[in-house]
PDB file of all heavy atoms in Angstrom:
ATOM      1  N   GLY A   1       3.410  -6.060  10.690  1.00  0.00           N
ATOM      2  CA  GLY A   1       4.766  -6.456  10.318  1.00  0.00           C
ATOM      3  C   GLY A   1       5.427  -5.449   9.314  1.00  0.00           C
ATOM      4  O   GLY A   1       6.502  -5.773   8.818  1.00  0.00           O
ATOM      5  N   LYS A   2       4.776  -4.324   9.016  1.00  0.00           N
ATOM      6  CA  LYS A   2       5.348  -3.388   8.076  1.00  0.00           C
ATOM      7  C   LYS A   2       6.348  -2.453   8.786  1.00  0.00           C
ATOM      8  O   LYS A   2       6.044  -1.911   9.829  1.00  0.00           O
ATOM      9  CB  LYS A   2       4.246  -2.566   7.415  1.00  0.00           C
ATOM     10  CG  LYS A   2       4.715  -1.729   6.217  1.00  0.00           C
ATOM     11  CD  LYS A   2       3.561  -1.097   5.494  1.00  0.00           C
ATOM     12  CE  LYS A   2       4.017  -0.411   4.249  1.00  0.00           C
ATOM     13  NZ  LYS A   2       2.897   0.195   3.492  1.00  0.00           N
ATOM     14  N   TYR A   3       7.517  -2.305   8.179  1.00  0.00           N
ATOM     15  CA  TYR A   3       8.593  -1.528   8.758  1.00  0.00           C
ATOM     16  C   TYR A   3       8.426  -0.065   8.430  1.00  0.00           C
ATOM     17  O   TYR A   3       8.191   0.302   7.295  1.00  0.00           O
ATOM     18  CB  TYR A   3       9.939  -2.035   8.275  1.00  0.00           C
ATOM     19  CG  TYR A   3      11.103  -1.267   8.843  1.00  0.00           C
ATOM     20  CD1 TYR A   3      11.480  -1.374  10.166  1.00  0.00           C
ATOM     21  CD2 TYR A   3      11.846  -0.379   8.011  1.00  0.00           C
ATOM     22  CE1 TYR A   3      12.525  -0.644  10.701  1.00  0.00           C
ATOM     23  CE2 TYR A   3      12.898   0.350   8.530  1.00  0.00           C
ATOM     24  CZ  TYR A   3      13.264   0.186   9.894  1.00  0.00           C
ATOM     25  OH  TYR A   3      14.301   0.909  10.380  1.00  0.00           O
ATOM     26  N   MET A   4       8.521   0.756   9.455  1.00  0.00           N
ATOM     27  CA  MET A   4       8.468   2.233   9.273  1.00  0.00           C
ATOM     28  C   MET A   4       9.842   2.803   9.704  1.00  0.00           C
ATOM     29  O   MET A   4      10.204   2.733  10.883  1.00  0.00           O
ATOM     30  CB  MET A   4       7.349   2.840  10.131  1.00  0.00           C
ATOM     31  CG  MET A   4       5.949   2.540   9.651  1.00  0.00           C
ATOM     32  SD  MET A   4       5.616   3.401   8.082  1.00  0.00           S
ATOM     33  CE  MET A   4       5.243   2.040   7.058  1.00  0.00           C
ATOM     34  N   PRO A   5      10.592   3.374   8.774  1.00  0.00           N
ATOM     35  CA  PRO A   5      11.922   3.902   9.131  1.00  0.00           C
ATOM     36  C   PRO A   5      11.868   5.158  10.007  1.00  0.00           C
ATOM     37  O   PRO A   5      12.854   5.505  10.627  1.00  0.00           O
ATOM     38  CB  PRO A   5      12.559   4.204   7.792  1.00  0.00           C
ATOM     39  CG  PRO A   5      11.455   4.373   6.836  1.00  0.00           C
ATOM     40  CD  PRO A   5      10.337   3.494   7.343  1.00  0.00           C
ATOM     41  N   SER A   6      10.739   5.826  10.058  1.00  0.00           N
ATOM     42  CA  SER A   6      10.609   7.045  10.873  1.00  0.00           C
ATOM     43  C   SER A   6       9.154   7.434  11.033  1.00  0.00           C
ATOM     44  O   SER A   6       8.271   6.845  10.361  1.00  0.00           O
ATOM     45  CB  SER A   6      11.368   8.221  10.221  1.00  0.00           C
ATOM     46  OG  SER A   6      10.766   8.546   8.984  1.00  0.00           O
ATOM     47  N   LEU A   7       8.903   8.435  11.885  1.00  0.00           N
ATOM     48  CA  LEU A   7       7.541   8.935  12.061  1.00  0.00           C
ATOM     49  C   LEU A   7       7.075   9.644  10.811  1.00  0.00           C
ATOM     50  O   LEU A   7       5.906   9.563  10.405  1.00  0.00           O
ATOM     51  CB  LEU A   7       7.487   9.873  13.252  1.00  0.00           C
ATOM     52  CG  LEU A   7       6.125  10.488  13.616  1.00  0.00           C
ATOM     53  CD1 LEU A   7       5.106   9.402  13.874  1.00  0.00           C
ATOM     54  CD2 LEU A   7       6.268  11.397  14.825  1.00  0.00           C
ATOM     55  N   VAL A   8       8.011  10.367  10.141  1.00  0.00           N
ATOM     56  CA  VAL A   8       7.638  11.022   8.882  1.00  0.00           C
ATOM     57  C   VAL A   8       7.234  10.011   7.842  1.00  0.00           C
ATOM     58  O   VAL A   8       6.314  10.243   7.041  1.00  0.00           O
ATOM     59  CB  VAL A   8       8.828  11.902   8.419  1.00  0.00           C
ATOM     60  CG1 VAL A   8       8.529  12.494   7.048  1.00  0.00           C
ATOM     61  CG2 VAL A   8       9.154  12.973   9.432  1.00  0.00           C
ATOM     62  N   ALA A   9       7.921   8.878   7.799  1.00  0.00           N
ATOM     63  CA  ALA A   9       7.566   7.838   6.840  1.00  0.00           C
ATOM     64  C   ALA A   9       6.173   7.271   7.066  1.00  0.00           C
ATOM     65  O   ALA A   9       5.451   6.976   6.121  1.00  0.00           O
ATOM     66  CB  ALA A   9       8.598   6.705   6.904  1.00  0.00           C
ATOM     67  N   GLU A  10       5.779   7.204   8.354  1.00  0.00           N
ATOM     68  CA  GLU A  10       4.413   6.671   8.615  1.00  0.00           C
ATOM     69  C   GLU A  10       3.370   7.701   8.227  1.00  0.00           C
ATOM     70  O   GLU A  10       2.267   7.337   7.810  1.00  0.00           O
ATOM     71  CB  GLU A  10       4.284   6.325  10.113  1.00  0.00           C
ATOM     72  CG  GLU A  10       2.949   5.670  10.390  1.00  0.00           C
ATOM     73  CD  GLU A  10       2.946   4.810  11.647  1.00  0.00           C
ATOM     74  OE1 GLU A  10       3.976   4.751  12.351  1.00  0.00           O
ATOM     75  OE2 GLU A  10       1.908   4.162  11.886  1.00  0.00           O
ATOM     76  N   ILE A  11       3.662   8.982   8.392  1.00  0.00           N
ATOM     77  CA  ILE A  11       2.730   9.993   7.905  1.00  0.00           C
ATOM     78  C   ILE A  11       2.617   9.908   6.399  1.00  0.00           C
ATOM     79  O   ILE A  11       1.511  10.012   5.826  1.00  0.00           O
ATOM     80  CB  ILE A  11       3.223  11.407   8.308  1.00  0.00           C
ATOM     81  CG1 ILE A  11       3.175  11.552   9.850  1.00  0.00           C
ATOM     82  CG2 ILE A  11       2.361  12.482   7.681  1.00  0.00           C
ATOM     83  CD1 ILE A  11       3.789  12.864  10.352  1.00  0.00           C
ATOM     84  N   GLY A  12       3.723   9.652   5.700  1.00  0.00           N
ATOM     85  CA  GLY A  12       3.688   9.451   4.248  1.00  0.00           C
ATOM     86  C   GLY A  12       2.901   8.207   3.890  1.00  0.00           C
ATOM     87  O   GLY A  12       2.205   8.171   2.878  1.00  0.00           O
ATOM     88  N   ASP A  13       2.960   7.167   4.735  1.00  0.00           N
ATOM     89  CA  ASP A  13       2.197   5.953   4.477  1.00  0.00           C
ATOM     90  C   ASP A  13       0.691   6.235   4.605  1.00  0.00           C
ATOM     91  O   ASP A  13      -0.119   5.700   3.836  1.00  0.00           O
ATOM     92  CB  ASP A  13       2.591   4.864   5.472  1.00  0.00           C
ATOM     93  CG  ASP A  13       2.025   3.508   5.137  1.00  0.00           C
ATOM     94  OD1 ASP A  13       2.394   2.951   4.066  1.00  0.00           O
ATOM     95  OD2 ASP A  13       1.224   3.006   5.931  1.00  0.00           O
ATOM     96  N   ALA A  14       0.292   7.096   5.548  1.00  0.00           N
ATOM     97  CA  ALA A  14      -1.088   7.483   5.684  1.00  0.00           C
ATOM     98  C   ALA A  14      -1.579   8.299   4.499  1.00  0.00           C
ATOM     99  O   ALA A  14      -2.694   8.092   4.011  1.00  0.00           O
ATOM    100  CB  ALA A  14      -1.295   8.288   6.970  1.00  0.00           C
ATOM    101  N   ILE A  15      -0.710   9.174   3.981  1.00  0.00           N
ATOM    102  CA  ILE A  15      -1.059   9.961   2.812  1.00  0.00           C
ATOM    103  C   ILE A  15      -1.227   9.031   1.570  1.00  0.00           C
ATOM    104  O   ILE A  15      -2.156   9.193   0.772  1.00  0.00           O
ATOM    105  CB  ILE A  15       0.028  11.019   2.540  1.00  0.00           C
ATOM    106  CG1 ILE A  15       0.052  12.039   3.669  1.00  0.00           C
ATOM    107  CG2 ILE A  15      -0.230  11.700   1.187  1.00  0.00           C
ATOM    108  CD1 ILE A  15       1.143  13.072   3.540  1.00  0.00           C
ATOM    109  N   GLU A  16      -0.359   8.014   1.493  1.00  0.00           N
ATOM    110  CA  GLU A  16      -0.486   7.056   0.369  1.00  0.00           C
ATOM    111  C   GLU A  16      -1.810   6.308   0.489  1.00  0.00           C
ATOM    112  O   GLU A  16      -2.484   6.130  -0.549  1.00  0.00           O
ATOM    113  CB  GLU A  16       0.665   6.064   0.405  1.00  0.00           C
ATOM    114  CG  GLU A  16       0.597   5.038  -0.709  1.00  0.00           C
ATOM    115  CD  GLU A  16       1.665   3.985  -0.663  1.00  0.00           C
ATOM    116  OE1 GLU A  16       2.315   3.888   0.412  1.00  0.00           O
ATOM    117  OE2 GLU A  16       1.845   3.255  -1.615  1.00  0.00           O
ATOM    118  N   SER A  17      -2.194   5.885   1.667  1.00  0.00           N
ATOM    119  CA  SER A  17      -3.483   5.162   1.855  1.00  0.00           C
ATOM    120  C   SER A  17      -4.648   6.053   1.411  1.00  0.00           C
ATOM    121  O   SER A  17      -5.595   5.581   0.780  1.00  0.00           O
ATOM    122  CB  SER A  17      -3.661   4.718   3.307  1.00  0.00           C
ATOM    123  OG  SER A  17      -2.598   3.860   3.716  1.00  0.00           O
ATOM    124  N   HIS A  18      -4.564   7.330   1.767  1.00  0.00           N
ATOM    125  CA  HIS A  18      -5.625   8.238   1.384  1.00  0.00           C
ATOM    126  C   HIS A  18      -5.683   8.473  -0.142  1.00  0.00           C
ATOM    127  O   HIS A  18      -6.772   8.487  -0.720  1.00  0.00           O
ATOM    128  CB  HIS A  18      -5.433   9.593   2.074  1.00  0.00           C
ATOM    129  CG  HIS A  18      -6.564  10.547   1.868  1.00  0.00           C
ATOM    130  ND1 HIS A  18      -7.748  10.452   2.542  1.00  0.00           N
ATOM    131  CD2 HIS A  18      -6.669  11.613   1.027  1.00  0.00           C
ATOM    132  CE1 HIS A  18      -8.559  11.424   2.142  1.00  0.00           C
ATOM    133  NE2 HIS A  18      -7.928  12.124   1.197  1.00  0.00           N
ATOM    134  N   MET A  19      -4.512   8.602  -0.754  1.00  0.00           N
ATOM    135  CA  MET A  19      -4.460   8.809  -2.205  1.00  0.00           C
ATOM    136  C   MET A  19      -4.960   7.564  -2.944  1.00  0.00           C
ATOM    137  O   MET A  19      -5.590   7.692  -4.014  1.00  0.00           O
ATOM    138  CB  MET A  19      -3.037   9.129  -2.632  1.00  0.00           C
ATOM    139  CG  MET A  19      -2.571  10.513  -2.253  1.00  0.00           C
ATOM    140  SD  MET A  19      -0.935  10.920  -2.873  1.00  0.00           S
ATOM    141  CE  MET A  19      -0.748  12.636  -2.371  1.00  0.00           C
ATOM    142  N   ARG A  20      -4.745   6.410  -2.417  1.00  0.00           N
ATOM    143  CA  ARG A  20      -5.274   5.198  -3.012  1.00  0.00           C
ATOM    144  C   ARG A  20      -6.779   5.142  -2.870  1.00  0.00           C
ATOM    145  O   ARG A  20      -7.508   4.715  -3.764  1.00  0.00           O
ATOM    146  CB  ARG A  20      -4.627   3.951  -2.373  1.00  0.00           C
ATOM    147  CG  ARG A  20      -3.193   3.739  -2.740  1.00  0.00           C
ATOM    148  CD  ARG A  20      -2.636   2.403  -2.220  1.00  0.00           C
ATOM    149  NE  ARG A  20      -1.262   2.232  -2.548  1.00  0.00           N
ATOM    150  CZ  ARG A  20      -0.793   1.793  -3.706  1.00  0.00           C
ATOM    151  NH1 ARG A  20      -1.638   1.459  -4.655  1.00  0.00           N
ATOM    152  NH2 ARG A  20       0.519   1.665  -3.920  1.00  0.00           N
ATOM    153  N   MET A  21      -7.303   5.631  -1.743  1.00  0.00           N
ATOM    154  CA  MET A  21      -8.717   5.582  -1.504  1.00  0.00           C
ATOM    155  C   MET A  21      -9.493   6.496  -2.482  1.00  0.00           C
ATOM    156  O   MET A  21     -10.537   6.150  -2.968  1.00  0.00           O
ATOM    157  CB  MET A  21      -9.038   6.006  -0.077  1.00  0.00           C
ATOM    158  CG  MET A  21     -10.507   5.943   0.285  1.00  0.00           C
ATOM    159  SD  MET A  21     -10.886   6.747   1.832  1.00  0.00           S
ATOM    160  CE  MET A  21     -10.610   8.467   1.420  1.00  0.00           C
ATOM    161  N   ILE A  22      -8.922   7.666  -2.785  1.00  0.00           N
ATOM    162  CA  ILE A  22      -9.608   8.604  -3.650  1.00  0.00           C
ATOM    163  C   ILE A  22      -9.238   8.389  -5.136  1.00  0.00           C
ATOM    164  O   ILE A  22      -9.752   9.088  -6.039  1.00  0.00           O
ATOM    165  CB  ILE A  22      -9.265  10.092  -3.296  1.00  0.00           C
ATOM    166  CG1 ILE A  22      -7.786  10.410  -3.514  1.00  0.00           C
ATOM    167  CG2 ILE A  22      -9.709  10.351  -1.859  1.00  0.00           C
ATOM    168  CD1 ILE A  22      -7.411  11.829  -3.201  1.00  0.00           C
ATOM    169  N   GLY A  23      -8.404   7.396  -5.424  1.00  0.00           N
ATOM    170  CA  GLY A  23      -8.074   7.050  -6.797  1.00  0.00           C
ATOM    171  C   GLY A  23      -6.948   7.817  -7.401  1.00  0.00           C
ATOM    172  O   GLY A  23      -6.706   7.688  -8.612  1.00  0.00           O
ATOM    173  N   LEU A  24      -6.230   8.614  -6.592  1.00  0.00           N
ATOM    174  CA  LEU A  24      -5.092   9.372  -7.126  1.00  0.00           C
ATOM    175  C   LEU A  24      -3.894   8.473  -7.409  1.00  0.00           C
ATOM    176  O   LEU A  24      -3.127   8.691  -8.352  1.00  0.00           O
ATOM    177  CB  LEU A  24      -4.692  10.473  -6.145  1.00  0.00           C
ATOM    178  CG  LEU A  24      -3.727  11.533  -6.654  1.00  0.00           C
ATOM    179  CD1 LEU A  24      -4.300  12.249  -7.916  1.00  0.00           C
ATOM    180  CD2 LEU A  24      -3.461  12.576  -5.556  1.00  0.00           C
ATOM    181  N   ILE A  25      -3.764   7.411  -6.583  1.00  0.00           N
ATOM    182  CA  ILE A  25      -2.750   6.359  -6.812  1.00  0.00           C
ATOM    183  C   ILE A  25      -3.494   5.065  -7.116  1.00  0.00           C
ATOM    184  O   ILE A  25      -4.337   4.651  -6.338  1.00  0.00           O
ATOM    185  CB  ILE A  25      -1.814   6.184  -5.593  1.00  0.00           C
ATOM    186  CG1 ILE A  25      -1.004   7.468  -5.353  1.00  0.00           C
ATOM    187  CG2 ILE A  25      -0.863   5.030  -5.808  1.00  0.00           C
ATOM    188  CD1 ILE A  25      -0.080   7.367  -4.160  1.00  0.00           C
ATOM    189  N   LYS A  26      -3.203   4.490  -8.228  1.00  0.00           N
ATOM    190  CA  LYS A  26      -3.857   3.236  -8.610  1.00  0.00           C
ATOM    191  C   LYS A  26      -3.222   2.095  -7.820  1.00  0.00           C
ATOM    192  O   LYS A  26      -2.028   2.050  -7.614  1.00  0.00           O
ATOM    193  CB  LYS A  26      -3.695   2.973 -10.131  1.00  0.00           C
ATOM    194  CG  LYS A  26      -4.249   4.098 -10.985  1.00  0.00           C
ATOM    195  CD  LYS A  26      -5.713   4.325 -10.726  1.00  0.00           C
ATOM    196  CE  LYS A  26      -6.262   5.449 -11.624  1.00  0.00           C
ATOM    197  NZ  LYS A  26      -7.716   5.704 -11.378  1.00  0.00           N
ATOM    198  N   ASP A  27      -4.093   1.180  -7.419  1.00  0.00           N
ATOM    199  CA  ASP A  27      -3.673   0.032  -6.625  1.00  0.00           C
ATOM    200  C   ASP A  27      -3.014  -0.976  -7.545  1.00  0.00           C
ATOM    201  O   ASP A  27      -3.638  -1.562  -8.423  1.00  0.00           O
ATOM    202  CB  ASP A  27      -4.880  -0.618  -5.909  1.00  0.00           C
ATOM    203  CG  ASP A  27      -4.450  -1.654  -4.885  1.00  0.00           C
ATOM    204  OD1 ASP A  27      -3.233  -1.785  -4.678  1.00  0.00           O
ATOM    205  OD2 ASP A  27      -5.323  -2.329  -4.331  1.00  0.00           O
ATOM    206  N   ASP A  28      -1.709  -1.152  -7.367  1.00  0.00           N
ATOM    207  CA  ASP A  28      -0.950  -2.099  -8.198  1.00  0.00           C
ATOM    208  C   ASP A  28      -0.614  -3.378  -7.428  1.00  0.00           C
ATOM    209  O   ASP A  28       0.498  -3.895  -7.472  1.00  0.00           O
ATOM    210  CB  ASP A  28       0.354  -1.477  -8.701  1.00  0.00           C
ATOM    211  CG  ASP A  28       1.189  -0.870  -7.544  1.00  0.00           C
ATOM    212  OD1 ASP A  28       0.679  -0.884  -6.427  1.00  0.00           O
ATOM    213  OD2 ASP A  28       2.350  -0.440  -7.846  1.00  0.00           O
ATOM    214  N   GLY A  29      -1.602  -3.855  -6.668  1.00  0.00           N
ATOM    215  CA  GLY A  29      -1.394  -5.022  -5.852  1.00  0.00           C
ATOM    216  C   GLY A  29      -1.338  -6.304  -6.658  1.00  0.00           C
ATOM    217  O   GLY A  29      -1.288  -6.290  -7.901  1.00  0.00           O
ATOM    218  N   LEU A  30      -1.393  -7.434  -5.987  1.00  0.00           N
ATOM    219  CA  LEU A  30      -1.284  -8.723  -6.680  1.00  0.00           C
ATOM    220  C   LEU A  30      -2.598  -9.003  -7.433  1.00  0.00           C
ATOM    221  O   LEU A  30      -3.691  -8.686  -6.992  1.00  0.00           O
ATOM    222  CB  LEU A  30      -1.067  -9.813  -5.632  1.00  0.00           C
ATOM    223  CG  LEU A  30       0.183  -9.690  -4.735  1.00  0.00           C
ATOM    224  CD1 LEU A  30       0.240 -10.811  -3.738  1.00  0.00           C
ATOM    225  CD2 LEU A  30       1.435  -9.685  -5.600  1.00  0.00           C
ATOM    226  N   ASP A  31      -2.413  -9.636  -8.597  1.00  0.00           N
ATOM    227  CA  ASP A  31      -3.595 -10.066  -9.331  1.00  0.00           C
ATOM    228  C   ASP A  31      -4.090 -11.387  -8.720  1.00  0.00           C
ATOM    229  O   ASP A  31      -3.460 -11.935  -7.790  1.00  0.00           O
ATOM    230  CB  ASP A  31      -3.341 -10.186 -10.821  1.00  0.00           C
ATOM    231  CG  ASP A  31      -2.123 -11.120 -11.095  1.00  0.00           C
ATOM    232  OD1 ASP A  31      -1.893 -12.072 -10.303  1.00  0.00           O
ATOM    233  OD2 ASP A  31      -1.430 -10.932 -12.117  1.00  0.00           O
ATOM    234  N   GLU A  32      -5.130 -11.953  -9.290  1.00  0.00           N
ATOM    235  CA  GLU A  32      -5.723 -13.159  -8.738  1.00  0.00           C
ATOM    236  C   GLU A  32      -4.778 -14.341  -8.772  1.00  0.00           C
ATOM    237  O   GLU A  32      -4.654 -15.147  -7.804  1.00  0.00           O
ATOM    238  CB  GLU A  32      -7.032 -13.533  -9.473  1.00  0.00           C
ATOM    239  CG  GLU A  32      -7.756 -14.708  -8.920  1.00  0.00           C
ATOM    240  CD  GLU A  32      -9.067 -14.988  -9.682  1.00  0.00           C
ATOM    241  OE1 GLU A  32      -9.413 -14.161 -10.552  1.00  0.00           O
ATOM    242  OE2 GLU A  32      -9.699 -15.999  -9.356  1.00  0.00           O
ATOM    243  N   HIS A  33      -4.026 -14.486  -9.870  1.00  0.00           N
ATOM    244  CA  HIS A  33      -3.071 -15.632 -10.002  1.00  0.00           C
ATOM    245  C   HIS A  33      -1.946 -15.510  -8.966  1.00  0.00           C
ATOM    246  O   HIS A  33      -1.609 -16.481  -8.307  1.00  0.00           O
ATOM    247  CB  HIS A  33      -2.555 -15.668 -11.413  1.00  0.00           C
ATOM    248  CG  HIS A  33      -1.442 -16.663 -11.596  1.00  0.00           C
ATOM    249  ND1 HIS A  33      -1.689 -18.024 -11.635  1.00  0.00           N
ATOM    250  CD2 HIS A  33      -0.067 -16.498 -11.745  1.00  0.00           C
ATOM    251  CE1 HIS A  33      -0.551 -18.670 -11.780  1.00  0.00           C
ATOM    252  NE2 HIS A  33       0.453 -17.763 -11.903  1.00  0.00           N
ATOM    253  N   GLN A  34      -1.383 -14.301  -8.850  1.00  0.00           N
ATOM    254  CA  GLN A  34      -0.312 -14.076  -7.897  1.00  0.00           C
ATOM    255  C   GLN A  34      -0.773 -14.264  -6.456  1.00  0.00           C
ATOM    256  O   GLN A  34      -0.064 -14.870  -5.619  1.00  0.00           O
ATOM    257  CB  GLN A  34       0.271 -12.668  -8.069  1.00  0.00           C
ATOM    258  CG  GLN A  34       1.018 -12.465  -9.365  1.00  0.00           C
ATOM    259  CD  GLN A  34       1.427 -11.043  -9.585  1.00  0.00           C
ATOM    260  OE1 GLN A  34       0.753 -10.099  -9.202  1.00  0.00           O
ATOM    261  NE2 GLN A  34       2.575 -10.830 -10.190  1.00  0.00           N
ATOM    262  N   ARG A  35      -1.984 -13.779  -6.139  1.00  0.00           N
ATOM    263  CA  ARG A  35      -2.501 -13.946  -4.797  1.00  0.00           C
ATOM    264  C   ARG A  35      -2.727 -15.419  -4.461  1.00  0.00           C
ATOM    265  O   ARG A  35      -2.419 -15.877  -3.343  1.00  0.00           O
ATOM    266  CB  ARG A  35      -3.798 -13.131  -4.649  1.00  0.00           C
ATOM    267  CG  ARG A  35      -4.337 -13.133  -3.246  1.00  0.00           C
ATOM    268  CD  ARG A  35      -5.400 -12.057  -3.067  1.00  0.00           C
ATOM    269  NE  ARG A  35      -6.413 -12.075  -4.128  1.00  0.00           N
ATOM    270  CZ  ARG A  35      -6.478 -11.145  -5.071  1.00  0.00           C
ATOM    271  NH1 ARG A  35      -5.598 -10.165  -5.151  1.00  0.00           N
ATOM    272  NH2 ARG A  35      -7.446 -11.232  -5.994  1.00  0.00           N
ATOM    273  N   ARG A  36      -3.198 -16.183  -5.406  1.00  0.00           N
ATOM    274  CA  ARG A  36      -3.428 -17.605  -5.149  1.00  0.00           C
ATOM    275  C   ARG A  36      -2.101 -18.331  -4.975  1.00  0.00           C
ATOM    276  O   ARG A  36      -1.966 -19.244  -4.143  1.00  0.00           O
ATOM    277  CB  ARG A  36      -4.225 -18.206  -6.330  1.00  0.00           C
ATOM    278  CG  ARG A  36      -4.586 -19.689  -6.131  1.00  0.00           C
ATOM    279  CD  ARG A  36      -5.591 -20.147  -7.136  1.00  0.00           C
ATOM    280  NE  ARG A  36      -5.109 -19.995  -8.497  1.00  0.00           N
ATOM    281  CZ  ARG A  36      -5.600 -19.116  -9.370  1.00  0.00           C
ATOM    282  NH1 ARG A  36      -6.546 -18.278  -9.002  1.00  0.00           N
ATOM    283  NH2 ARG A  36      -5.081 -19.038 -10.581  1.00  0.00           N
ATOM    284  N   LEU A  37      -1.091 -17.937  -5.774  1.00  0.00           N
ATOM    285  CA  LEU A  37       0.215 -18.535  -5.634  1.00  0.00           C
ATOM    286  C   LEU A  37       0.849 -18.255  -4.269  1.00  0.00           C
ATOM    287  O   LEU A  37       1.435 -19.148  -3.643  1.00  0.00           O
ATOM    288  CB  LEU A  37       1.128 -18.038  -6.753  1.00  0.00           C
ATOM    289  CG  LEU A  37       2.572 -18.605  -6.786  1.00  0.00           C
ATOM    290  CD1 LEU A  37       2.545 -20.102  -6.933  1.00  0.00           C
ATOM    291  CD2 LEU A  37       3.416 -17.924  -7.850  1.00  0.00           C
ATOM    292  N   VAL A  38       0.730 -17.021  -3.795  1.00  0.00           N
ATOM    293  CA  VAL A  38       1.295 -16.646  -2.497  1.00  0.00           C
ATOM    294  C   VAL A  38       0.556 -17.401  -1.382  1.00  0.00           C
ATOM    295  O   VAL A  38       1.217 -17.876  -0.438  1.00  0.00           O
ATOM    296  CB  VAL A  38       1.159 -15.107  -2.262  1.00  0.00           C
ATOM    297  CG1 VAL A  38       1.483 -14.751  -0.848  1.00  0.00           C
ATOM    298  CG2 VAL A  38       2.071 -14.368  -3.236  1.00  0.00           C
ATOM    299  N   GLU A  39      -0.738 -17.570  -1.463  1.00  0.00           N
ATOM    300  CA  GLU A  39      -1.485 -18.305  -0.448  1.00  0.00           C
ATOM    301  C   GLU A  39      -1.068 -19.756  -0.438  1.00  0.00           C
ATOM    302  O   GLU A  39      -0.924 -20.368   0.644  1.00  0.00           O
ATOM    303  CB  GLU A  39      -2.977 -18.197  -0.729  1.00  0.00           C
ATOM    304  CG  GLU A  39      -3.521 -16.800  -0.491  1.00  0.00           C
ATOM    305  CD  GLU A  39      -4.988 -16.669  -0.846  1.00  0.00           C
ATOM    306  OE1 GLU A  39      -5.541 -17.686  -1.391  1.00  0.00           O
ATOM    307  OE2 GLU A  39      -5.611 -15.626  -0.619  1.00  0.00           O
TER     308      GLU A  39
END
């Protein structure tokens, strides 16, 4: 369900996933309280 405005944007999304994997971009996702609230 994630929207991609272009093919270039999806390549950028792949680069972001890789940078998160190697620790170059810190994961700023939901904490435990926020995740429980969303569920």
